[in-house]
Each structure stands twice: as C-alpha cells, then as structure tokens.
Amino acid sequence: PELATARVSGRRAGKVTRPAPSLPVAATMTMPYWLKAVRIARDRAPAIAAVRGRLLRAEGLRSSAVLPPDPEVLFARGRGQPRDGGALGSESSIEVQQVLPAPWGLAARRRSAASSIQLARDEVDAVTAQVVLEVERLFYGAAVADAEASALGEAATDAAALRELTARRVEVGEAPEADRLRTEVEALRTELEARAARAEAEAARAALDRFLLGALGADFTLAADLDPRRLAPPPDRAFDSALPRNPAYRAAVSRVEASRWAVSAERASRSPALSLSLSRETEFDREAWGAGLRLAIPLWNRNRGPLAVSRGELVEAEADLRRLRAEIEAELERAVRRYEVARAAAVTYHERIVPASREAVSIVRVSLEQGEATLLAWLEARRSYLDTVRASYRALLEAFLARAELDRLTGETDGFDER
C-alpha cells in the first residue's frame, strides 16, 4: 500500500482531506478538539461532580465552624393576683443567653474547616486526573484504531485492484489460474480484516462519546498527531517531583492534615463552656435587671467518643498516606521503564522498521513486474508489511498510553487546560 488521499465527511466540519495512515504518523477523526473532549469530561463526568459536591459541603461546614452559636432568647408572660388580694395583673420576663466558645477551640475549628476544604479541592484534582487519563486512553485508542482501519482499507483496495489485474492476465494467458485464486484469497482476507478494523474503530469512537455522556454526538472532528517522535523523554528527577505533584498523594496529605485538626478541634471541645446571660423581669410591683455567667464543666463525658473517633481517623489517614507513597513510587518505577521501552519501540517502528518493510514490498513488486519474482514472494512481502504496520500501531498506542499514565503519576495532568 502506498500513501494515498482519503476523505472523511462530517456535517459540521465538512470534508477533511488527509493522507491514508500506512505509516503511524497522523490520524484524523471526526471530533472537534482533544482539549474540548477533556473540558467536556471535566464539566460532565459524574465522578467529578460527586467530589465537587463534597467541596460544596466542606465550604458549607466552614460557615458553621467559624461562627459562634446563635443566642437563645426566653420570653415568659403570665397573669395573676397577689396573695394580699390586690388587683389582677400580669408579669413578664425575658432572658438572652449567648454561649462564648473558647478562643482556642474556635481557632481549631476554623483550621479544621479550612483543611477540610483543601482536602476536598485535592480530591477534585485527583478524580479529575483519573478522568483525564481515561479520556486519553479512549481518545488515543479511537485515533489509533481509526488510523489502522484506514491503512487496512487501503490494503483491501490495493488487493482488489491486484485481483482484477491478475484475472485479466489469466484471461489472456499471461498468468496461471493459481495466481488468480491466490489474489482472490488475498483480496477476501484483507477485506475481512478491513471490515473488522473499521468496526473496532467505530466501537472505540462510540466508547469515547459514551464516556462523555453523548456530548460529542454523531459528527465531531479532531486531528490527532500520532507521530511518536513528538513524545518527550521521561522527565528528569521524576521521582523527586512526582510525590509533591501527584494529585492522589496531595489528597492523602490533606486528609492527614484535616484529621489532625479534627483531633485538635475535638480536644478543644472538652474545655469548659462559658455562657453569658442578660435578663429583665417585670412583676406586679417591681422591675429587675440581671446578668449572669454560666459554666458547663466537662466532668463526666469530656467528649471522649468524638475524640476517639477523630484519633482513629487520623491513624487510618497516616497509614493510607504511607501505603499510597509506596504504591506511587512502585508505579512510577514501572511507568518510567514502560514508557522508555514503549517510546523507543514506537520511534523505531516509525523511523526504521516500517520504512524498511515498505521498501521491501516495493522492491519485490518491481521484480514481479519484471518477471524476476513470483506472485507468492510479493504476497508474502505484502503480508509481512501489513503485520508490521499493525504492530507499529500497537506500539504507538502503548507509547501514548504509557505517557498518559506517567503524566498522571507525576502530576502533569494538572495543566491539561493549557495543552
């Protein structure tokens, strides 16, 4: 198969002219932009919406944590007659009571609320990174599948043309009947492979649209640069920068911090509670004003239950942080090595293996036309070339997915809006 020109139609984008991807260089899908797909996922993904709900809840809890309790007002009114037989009259009283939280307890609750908000924000970043990674997997899977289907479609067209040419040569006696049968088998085989590849590409395309909750619709356009040479080498000092930038690790650190301040807030709740009250009483023959202080002494309870719960959550959060650190370091080690190997393989296929295999097909075809090679030799070289092209697409997809996973571990997905 040679580089050819194909057209992909779309109602919104019109017609797009592109070279058929017989080499894993570029693929054009019907989709607006890669960035648009990411932004759609960020706006509509249910997982992100759920953690954003946690953020709204944490912000709401902060309002109740930083403000003092509401005052209590007691009003009473009654009618009666003095014992000495005086006239019937009325009496009333009003009392306002305000609990005065301890300054250190209020500060602890404020810090606990602030750390809870930071935890919710880091959880949003962590879930967003996972969603972006899944979009990348689906996107590159669909793009590579589309490119491979186009390449196999070109191969099927080429095989059909060869079948017709061989049939004419058989009719005039220039080729044996066996050559016609061989080209017939080859044409049918490549046609079936092209249909299967196109069905796989359509399924990958539909999976991407389904993940985005149907936001892309039936017609969408996107050009995907699948040149493996544009993939950058692994970042220097990846192990030093991965943990501070990894969204999941940052969320775990924030969870530990929030748990520590929750313990401080529950411990501060054991302090004696001071209440200030002002009252006014109106009786039959007098009026009285008063003020008082009320002290609630934590003698029996001392907030033991909530304090034990918060301490348990702190121990659990610290253990999860240590476990996550070990997991990220192990995953990063595997991801770096996997990416290095996959990137090198994809570049080698692109620069050396596929061009060499294509050149071999050209040489055998010229020899066939000159009568120096048999049809079997050309068919074998062609099949070897198609196998090489399919392997190159698998290597290409592996390289892009490995890079996406490495970006997630090193926190590079935080800046996907600026890609």
Protein backbone atom coordinates (compact mmCIF):
# COMPACT_ATOMS: atom_id res chain seq x y z
CA PRO A 1 0.00 0.00 0.00
CA GLU A 2 1.20 3.45 -0.92
CA LEU A 3 0.33 6.78 0.67
CA ALA A 4 -2.99 7.86 -0.78
CA THR A 5 -5.60 10.53 -0.23
CA ALA A 6 -8.84 9.81 1.59
CA ARG A 7 -11.75 11.96 2.65
CA VAL A 8 -13.66 11.86 5.91
CA SER A 9 -17.00 13.63 5.77
CA GLY A 10 -18.78 15.40 8.61
CA ARG A 11 -21.87 17.55 8.65
CA ARG A 12 -20.27 20.15 10.89
CA ALA A 13 -16.67 20.17 9.70
CA GLY A 14 -17.29 19.49 6.02
CA LYS A 15 -14.79 17.25 4.28
CA VAL A 16 -11.27 16.67 5.56
CA THR A 17 -8.51 15.58 3.20
CA ARG A 18 -5.68 13.60 4.74
CA PRO A 19 -3.06 11.02 3.77
CA ALA A 20 -4.05 7.44 4.49
CA PRO A 21 -2.04 6.32 7.54
CA SER A 22 0.01 3.49 6.08
CA LEU A 23 2.66 4.83 8.44
CA PRO A 24 1.78 5.65 12.08
CA VAL A 25 2.26 9.39 11.60
CA ALA A 26 -1.12 11.07 11.85
CA ALA A 27 -4.79 10.24 12.06
CA THR A 28 -7.84 12.45 11.62
CA MET A 29 -11.03 11.60 13.46
CA THR A 30 -14.39 13.32 13.41
CA MET A 31 -14.16 15.20 16.72
CA PRO A 32 -13.80 18.94 17.46
CA TYR A 33 -10.65 19.13 19.58
CA TRP A 34 -8.82 16.96 22.08
CA LEU A 35 -8.99 19.78 24.58
CA LYS A 36 -12.72 20.08 24.07
CA ALA A 37 -13.13 16.40 24.93
CA VAL A 38 -11.20 16.94 28.16
CA ARG A 39 -13.22 20.00 29.08
CA ILE A 40 -16.47 18.19 28.37
CA ALA A 41 -15.36 15.37 30.67
CA ARG A 42 -14.37 17.87 33.34
CA ASP A 43 -17.78 19.57 33.17
CA ARG A 44 -19.99 16.49 32.86
CA ALA A 45 -18.21 13.50 34.39
CA PRO A 46 -20.33 12.17 37.28
CA ALA A 47 -17.23 11.28 39.31
CA ILE A 48 -16.01 14.89 39.22
CA ALA A 49 -19.49 16.20 40.00
CA ALA A 50 -19.60 13.96 43.08
CA VAL A 51 -16.34 15.26 44.55
CA ARG A 52 -17.38 18.82 43.74
CA GLY A 53 -20.40 18.14 45.91
CA ARG A 54 -18.00 17.28 48.74
CA LEU A 55 -16.27 20.61 48.19
CA LEU A 56 -19.57 22.49 48.45
CA ARG A 57 -20.37 20.56 51.62
CA ALA A 58 -16.98 21.41 53.15
CA GLU A 59 -17.46 25.09 52.33
CA GLY A 60 -20.88 24.99 53.95
CA LEU A 61 -19.48 23.36 57.09
CA ARG A 62 -16.85 26.10 57.33
CA SER A 63 -19.58 28.70 57.75
CA SER A 64 -20.97 26.89 60.77
CA ALA A 65 -17.49 26.23 62.18
CA VAL A 66 -16.18 29.81 62.17
CA LEU A 67 -19.29 31.44 63.63
CA PRO A 68 -20.31 31.33 67.30
CA PRO A 69 -23.55 29.57 68.28
CA ASP A 70 -26.77 31.52 67.90
CA PRO A 71 -28.07 33.22 71.06
CA GLU A 72 -31.07 31.81 72.87
CA VAL A 73 -33.99 34.05 73.89
CA LEU A 74 -36.52 33.00 76.53
CA PHE A 75 -39.68 35.05 76.95
CA ALA A 76 -42.37 34.32 79.51
CA ARG A 77 -45.58 36.15 80.37
CA GLY A 78 -48.32 35.36 82.90
CA ARG A 79 -51.29 36.86 84.75
CA GLY A 80 -52.16 36.50 88.38
CA GLN A 81 -53.40 38.13 91.56
CA PRO A 82 -51.29 38.98 94.61
CA ARG A 83 -51.94 36.97 97.78
CA ASP A 84 -52.88 40.08 99.67
CA GLY A 85 -55.93 40.40 97.43
CA GLY A 86 -54.76 43.12 95.12
CA ALA A 87 -55.97 43.70 91.59
CA LEU A 88 -55.37 41.17 88.82
CA GLY A 89 -52.18 41.90 86.92
CA SER A 90 -49.56 40.47 84.59
CA GLU A 91 -45.86 39.64 84.90
CA SER A 92 -43.26 39.02 82.18
CA SER A 93 -39.63 38.12 81.84
CA ILE A 94 -37.12 37.96 79.02
CA GLU A 95 -33.66 36.40 79.04
CA VAL A 96 -30.95 36.36 76.34
CA GLN A 97 -28.20 33.76 76.61
CA GLN A 98 -25.06 33.53 74.47
CA VAL A 99 -22.52 30.73 74.56
CA LEU A 100 -18.97 32.09 74.34
CA PRO A 101 -16.72 29.48 72.72
CA ALA A 102 -13.13 29.27 73.85
CA PRO A 103 -10.82 31.21 71.50
CA TRP A 104 -8.50 28.23 71.09
CA GLY A 105 -11.43 25.95 70.29
CA LEU A 106 -12.80 28.38 67.71
CA ALA A 107 -9.35 28.64 66.08
CA ALA A 108 -9.05 24.85 65.96
CA ARG A 109 -12.45 24.53 64.30
CA ARG A 110 -11.52 27.17 61.76
CA ARG A 111 -8.29 25.37 60.87
CA SER A 112 -10.14 22.07 60.71
CA ALA A 113 -12.72 23.55 58.32
CA ALA A 114 -10.00 25.11 56.15
CA SER A 115 -8.11 21.81 55.94
CA SER A 116 -11.34 20.01 55.01
CA ILE A 117 -11.87 22.43 52.13
CA GLN A 118 -8.30 21.88 50.94
CA LEU A 119 -8.87 18.13 51.14
CA ALA A 120 -11.98 18.43 49.00
CA ARG A 121 -10.09 20.51 46.43
CA ASP A 122 -7.27 17.97 46.25
CA GLU A 123 -9.83 15.18 45.86
CA VAL A 124 -11.34 17.08 42.94
CA ASP A 125 -7.87 17.28 41.36
CA ALA A 126 -7.25 13.58 41.95
CA VAL A 127 -10.54 12.49 40.40
CA THR A 128 -10.05 14.94 37.53
CA ALA A 129 -6.65 13.39 36.81
CA GLN A 130 -8.23 9.94 36.66
CA VAL A 131 -10.96 11.18 34.32
CA VAL A 132 -8.41 12.89 32.06
CA LEU A 133 -6.38 9.68 31.95
CA GLU A 134 -9.46 7.71 30.90
CA VAL A 135 -10.25 10.29 28.20
CA GLU A 136 -6.69 9.95 26.91
CA ARG A 137 -6.99 6.18 26.82
CA LEU A 138 -10.25 6.31 24.91
CA PHE A 139 -9.07 9.10 22.61
CA TYR A 140 -5.77 7.52 21.61
CA GLY A 141 -7.43 4.14 21.32
CA ALA A 142 -10.00 5.59 18.92
CA ALA A 143 -7.41 7.59 16.97
CA VAL A 144 -5.06 4.63 16.50
CA ALA A 145 -7.97 2.33 15.64
CA ASP A 146 -9.16 4.83 13.03
CA ALA A 147 -5.67 5.09 11.54
CA GLU A 148 -5.25 1.33 11.44
CA ALA A 149 -8.67 0.87 9.84
CA SER A 150 -7.75 3.40 7.16
CA ALA A 151 -4.48 1.61 6.46
CA LEU A 152 -6.21 -1.76 6.16
CA GLY A 153 -8.86 -0.20 3.95
CA GLU A 154 -6.12 1.00 1.60
CA ALA A 155 -4.64 -2.50 1.67
CA ALA A 156 -8.03 -4.01 0.78
CA THR A 157 -8.40 -1.61 -2.14
CA ASP A 158 -4.92 -2.48 -3.34
CA ALA A 159 -5.65 -6.22 -3.06
CA ALA A 160 -8.89 -5.83 -5.04
CA ALA A 161 -7.03 -3.97 -7.80
CA LEU A 162 -4.41 -6.73 -7.91
CA ARG A 163 -7.17 -9.36 -8.15
CA GLU A 164 -8.68 -7.64 -11.18
CA LEU A 165 -5.30 -7.24 -12.83
CA THR A 166 -4.43 -10.90 -12.27
CA ALA A 167 -7.82 -12.00 -13.58
CA ARG A 168 -7.20 -10.12 -16.85
CA ARG A 169 -3.74 -11.63 -17.17
CA VAL A 170 -5.20 -15.11 -16.64
CA GLU A 171 -7.78 -14.46 -19.38
CA VAL A 172 -5.06 -13.62 -21.93
CA GLY A 173 -2.86 -16.48 -20.81
CA GLU A 174 -0.12 -14.39 -19.19
CA ALA A 175 -0.64 -15.91 -15.69
CA PRO A 176 -1.69 -19.31 -14.38
CA GLU A 177 -5.09 -19.96 -12.79
CA ALA A 178 -3.39 -20.48 -9.43
CA ASP A 179 -2.37 -16.80 -9.34
CA ARG A 180 -5.99 -15.75 -9.77
CA LEU A 181 -7.02 -17.95 -6.83
CA ARG A 182 -4.21 -16.62 -4.66
CA THR A 183 -5.13 -12.99 -5.35
CA GLU A 184 -8.80 -13.83 -4.77
CA VAL A 185 -7.99 -15.28 -1.34
CA GLU A 186 -5.77 -12.33 -0.51
CA ALA A 187 -8.45 -9.82 -1.51
CA LEU A 188 -11.13 -11.54 0.57
CA ARG A 189 -8.84 -11.85 3.58
CA THR A 190 -7.79 -8.19 3.55
CA GLU A 191 -11.41 -7.11 3.02
CA LEU A 192 -12.50 -9.02 6.13
CA GLU A 193 -9.61 -7.54 8.12
CA ALA A 194 -10.53 -4.03 6.94
CA ARG A 195 -14.17 -4.54 7.98
CA ALA A 196 -13.15 -5.82 11.41
CA ALA A 197 -10.77 -2.89 11.89
CA ARG A 198 -13.44 -0.37 10.87
CA ALA A 199 -15.92 -1.95 13.28
CA GLU A 200 -13.31 -1.73 16.06
CA ALA A 201 -12.68 1.93 15.22
CA GLU A 202 -16.39 2.73 15.33
CA ALA A 203 -16.71 0.94 18.67
CA ALA A 204 -13.77 2.92 20.09
CA ARG A 205 -15.31 6.11 18.79
CA ALA A 206 -18.66 5.25 20.37
CA ALA A 207 -16.95 4.41 23.68
CA LEU A 208 -15.37 7.86 23.78
CA ASP A 209 -18.71 9.53 23.09
CA ARG A 210 -20.46 7.38 25.71
CA PHE A 211 -17.86 8.28 28.31
CA LEU A 212 -18.57 11.94 27.61
CA LEU A 213 -22.30 11.23 28.07
CA GLY A 214 -23.09 11.69 24.40
CA ALA A 215 -21.83 15.28 24.32
CA LEU A 216 -19.87 14.76 21.08
CA GLY A 217 -22.82 13.47 19.07
CA ALA A 218 -22.66 11.59 15.79
CA ASP A 219 -20.43 14.08 13.95
CA PHE A 220 -17.34 15.55 15.55
CA THR A 221 -13.88 16.33 14.22
CA LEU A 222 -10.40 16.16 15.71
CA ALA A 223 -6.90 15.83 14.26
CA ALA A 224 -4.59 13.66 16.34
CA ASP A 225 -0.84 13.96 15.82
CA LEU A 226 0.32 10.39 16.31
CA ASP A 227 3.98 10.95 15.47
CA PRO A 228 5.86 9.13 18.28
CA ARG A 229 8.85 11.43 17.86
CA ARG A 230 6.92 14.26 19.46
CA LEU A 231 6.73 12.32 22.73
CA ALA A 232 9.19 13.86 25.15
CA PRO A 233 11.66 11.72 27.09
CA PRO A 234 10.80 10.87 30.70
CA PRO A 235 11.09 13.95 32.94
CA ASP A 236 14.34 14.41 34.81
CA ARG A 237 14.20 13.72 38.53
CA ALA A 238 10.72 12.26 38.11
CA PHE A 239 10.91 10.51 41.48
CA ASP A 240 11.72 13.76 43.29
CA SER A 241 8.86 15.75 41.77
CA ALA A 242 6.21 13.04 41.48
CA LEU A 243 5.04 12.89 45.09
CA PRO A 244 4.54 16.63 45.69
CA ARG A 245 2.68 16.96 42.38
CA ASN A 246 0.73 13.73 42.36
CA PRO A 247 -2.96 14.63 42.92
CA ALA A 248 -3.78 11.44 44.83
CA TYR A 249 -0.79 11.90 47.13
CA ARG A 250 -1.66 15.55 47.75
CA ALA A 251 -5.19 14.48 48.66
CA ALA A 252 -3.79 11.91 51.11
CA VAL A 253 -1.55 14.56 52.71
CA SER A 254 -4.53 16.90 53.03
CA ARG A 255 -6.56 14.09 54.60
CA VAL A 256 -3.89 13.63 57.28
CA GLU A 257 -3.80 17.38 57.91
CA ALA A 258 -7.58 17.56 58.15
CA SER A 259 -7.62 14.62 60.57
CA ARG A 260 -5.03 16.27 62.80
CA TRP A 261 -7.03 19.47 63.03
CA ALA A 262 -10.18 17.46 63.66
CA VAL A 263 -8.45 15.90 66.67
CA SER A 264 -7.44 19.37 67.87
CA ALA A 265 -11.00 20.63 67.47
CA GLU A 266 -12.47 17.68 69.40
CA ARG A 267 -9.85 18.09 72.12
CA ALA A 268 -10.70 21.79 72.41
CA SER A 269 -14.36 20.84 72.81
CA ARG A 270 -13.51 19.40 76.23
CA SER A 271 -12.86 22.89 77.57
CA PRO A 272 -15.48 24.35 79.92
CA ALA A 273 -18.23 26.15 78.04
CA LEU A 274 -18.94 29.70 79.22
CA SER A 275 -22.35 31.31 78.69
CA LEU A 276 -23.34 34.94 79.22
CA SER A 277 -26.96 35.82 80.01
CA LEU A 278 -28.90 39.08 80.35
CA SER A 279 -32.41 39.15 81.82
CA ARG A 280 -35.23 41.54 82.58
CA GLU A 281 -38.20 40.75 84.84
CA THR A 282 -41.36 42.80 85.26
CA GLU A 283 -43.53 41.91 88.28
CA PHE A 284 -46.61 43.45 89.89
CA ASP A 285 -44.74 45.97 91.90
CA ARG A 286 -41.17 45.95 90.65
CA GLU A 287 -38.85 45.65 87.68
CA ALA A 288 -35.49 43.86 87.82
CA TRP A 289 -32.47 43.57 85.52
CA GLY A 290 -29.82 40.90 85.80
CA ALA A 291 -26.69 39.44 84.22
CA GLY A 292 -25.04 36.13 84.80
CA LEU A 293 -22.30 33.74 83.74
CA ARG A 294 -22.90 30.04 83.29
CA LEU A 295 -20.07 27.49 83.17
CA ALA A 296 -20.58 23.96 81.81
CA ILE A 297 -17.92 21.74 83.38
CA PRO A 298 -16.97 18.65 81.30
CA LEU A 299 -16.83 16.37 84.30
CA TRP A 300 -18.26 13.05 83.08
CA ASN A 301 -18.26 12.97 79.30
CA ARG A 302 -15.22 15.09 78.32
CA ASN A 303 -16.09 14.46 74.64
CA ARG A 304 -14.41 11.05 74.77
CA GLY A 305 -16.43 9.46 71.95
CA PRO A 306 -15.87 12.03 69.18
CA LEU A 307 -12.25 12.45 70.25
CA ALA A 308 -11.61 8.70 69.94
CA VAL A 309 -13.27 8.66 66.52
CA SER A 310 -11.14 11.53 65.23
CA ARG A 311 -7.97 9.91 66.57
CA GLY A 312 -8.87 6.68 64.80
CA GLU A 313 -9.41 8.56 61.55
CA LEU A 314 -6.01 10.19 61.97
CA VAL A 315 -4.28 6.83 62.41
CA GLU A 316 -6.08 5.49 59.36
CA ALA A 317 -5.18 8.54 57.26
CA GLU A 318 -1.50 8.31 58.21
CA ALA A 319 -1.41 4.60 57.34
CA ASP A 320 -3.10 5.28 53.99
CA LEU A 321 -0.53 8.00 53.27
CA ARG A 322 2.38 5.62 53.85
CA ARG A 323 0.72 2.93 51.73
CA LEU A 324 -0.03 5.36 48.90
CA ARG A 325 3.54 6.67 48.93
CA ALA A 326 4.92 3.17 48.48
CA GLU A 327 2.40 2.40 45.73
CA ILE A 328 3.14 5.60 43.81
CA GLU A 329 6.89 5.02 43.98
CA ALA A 330 6.46 1.45 42.70
CA GLU A 331 4.03 2.52 39.97
CA LEU A 332 6.33 5.35 38.93
CA GLU A 333 9.27 2.97 38.62
CA ARG A 334 7.24 0.71 36.35
CA ALA A 335 5.74 3.63 34.41
CA VAL A 336 9.11 5.22 33.63
CA ARG A 337 10.58 1.95 32.40
CA ARG A 338 7.45 1.07 30.45
CA TYR A 339 7.39 4.47 28.78
CA GLU A 340 11.07 4.36 27.86
CA VAL A 341 10.65 0.97 26.21
CA ALA A 342 7.35 1.83 24.51
CA ARG A 343 8.59 5.18 23.20
CA ALA A 344 11.77 3.62 21.83
CA ALA A 345 9.78 0.84 20.15
CA ALA A 346 7.30 3.27 18.56
CA VAL A 347 10.08 5.52 17.24
CA THR A 348 11.99 2.51 15.88
CA TYR A 349 8.91 1.26 14.06
CA HIS A 350 8.27 4.73 12.67
CA GLU A 351 11.81 5.51 11.52
CA ARG A 352 13.25 2.11 10.60
CA ILE A 353 11.05 -0.98 10.64
CA VAL A 354 8.00 0.24 8.73
CA PRO A 355 10.02 2.11 6.04
CA ALA A 356 12.24 -0.94 5.56
CA SER A 357 9.26 -3.26 5.24
CA ARG A 358 7.56 -0.91 2.79
CA GLU A 359 10.73 -0.67 0.73
CA ALA A 360 10.91 -4.46 0.63
CA VAL A 361 7.37 -4.59 -0.78
CA SER A 362 8.30 -2.03 -3.45
CA ILE A 363 11.40 -3.99 -4.47
CA VAL A 364 9.50 -7.27 -4.74
CA ARG A 365 6.74 -5.58 -6.74
CA VAL A 366 9.22 -4.14 -9.23
CA SER A 367 10.82 -7.57 -9.54
CA LEU A 368 7.39 -9.10 -10.10
CA GLU A 369 6.64 -6.66 -12.88
CA GLN A 370 9.97 -7.50 -14.49
CA GLY A 371 9.35 -11.22 -14.18
CA GLU A 372 12.18 -11.75 -11.66
CA ALA A 373 9.92 -12.62 -8.67
CA THR A 374 6.86 -14.75 -8.20
CA LEU A 375 3.44 -13.66 -7.04
CA LEU A 376 3.93 -15.71 -3.88
CA ALA A 377 7.02 -13.71 -2.99
CA TRP A 378 5.12 -10.45 -3.42
CA LEU A 379 2.15 -11.70 -1.38
CA GLU A 380 4.48 -12.82 1.40
CA ALA A 381 6.27 -9.46 1.45
CA ARG A 382 2.94 -7.66 1.47
CA ARG A 383 1.56 -9.70 4.35
CA SER A 384 4.76 -9.11 6.30
CA TYR A 385 4.38 -5.39 5.69
CA LEU A 386 0.76 -5.34 6.90
CA ASP A 387 1.75 -7.29 10.03
CA THR A 388 4.49 -4.73 10.62
CA VAL A 389 2.05 -1.83 10.22
CA ARG A 390 -0.37 -3.40 12.70
CA ALA A 391 2.47 -3.98 15.17
CA SER A 392 3.57 -0.37 14.72
CA TYR A 393 0.10 0.86 15.67
CA ARG A 394 0.09 -1.34 18.76
CA ALA A 395 3.49 0.07 19.73
CA LEU A 396 2.24 3.59 19.04
CA LEU A 397 -0.80 3.15 21.25
CA GLU A 398 1.32 1.64 24.01
CA ALA A 399 3.67 4.62 23.89
CA PHE A 400 0.91 7.23 24.15
CA LEU A 401 -0.89 5.36 26.92
CA ALA A 402 2.35 4.91 28.84
CA ARG A 403 2.98 8.63 28.57
CA ALA A 404 -0.54 9.41 29.79
CA GLU A 405 -0.05 7.17 32.83
CA LEU A 406 3.32 8.76 33.55
CA ASP A 407 1.76 12.23 33.34
CA ARG A 408 -0.89 11.21 35.86
CA LEU A 409 1.69 9.89 38.32
CA THR A 410 3.90 12.95 38.03
CA GLY A 411 1.01 15.40 38.22
CA GLU A 412 1.39 16.70 34.67
CA THR A 413 -2.38 16.36 34.17
CA ASP A 414 -2.85 19.37 36.44
CA GLY A 415 -2.04 21.60 33.47
CA PHE A 416 -4.09 19.85 30.80
CA ASP A 417 -6.12 23.01 30.18
CA GLU A 418 -3.05 24.66 28.71
CA ARG A 419 -2.07 21.80 26.41
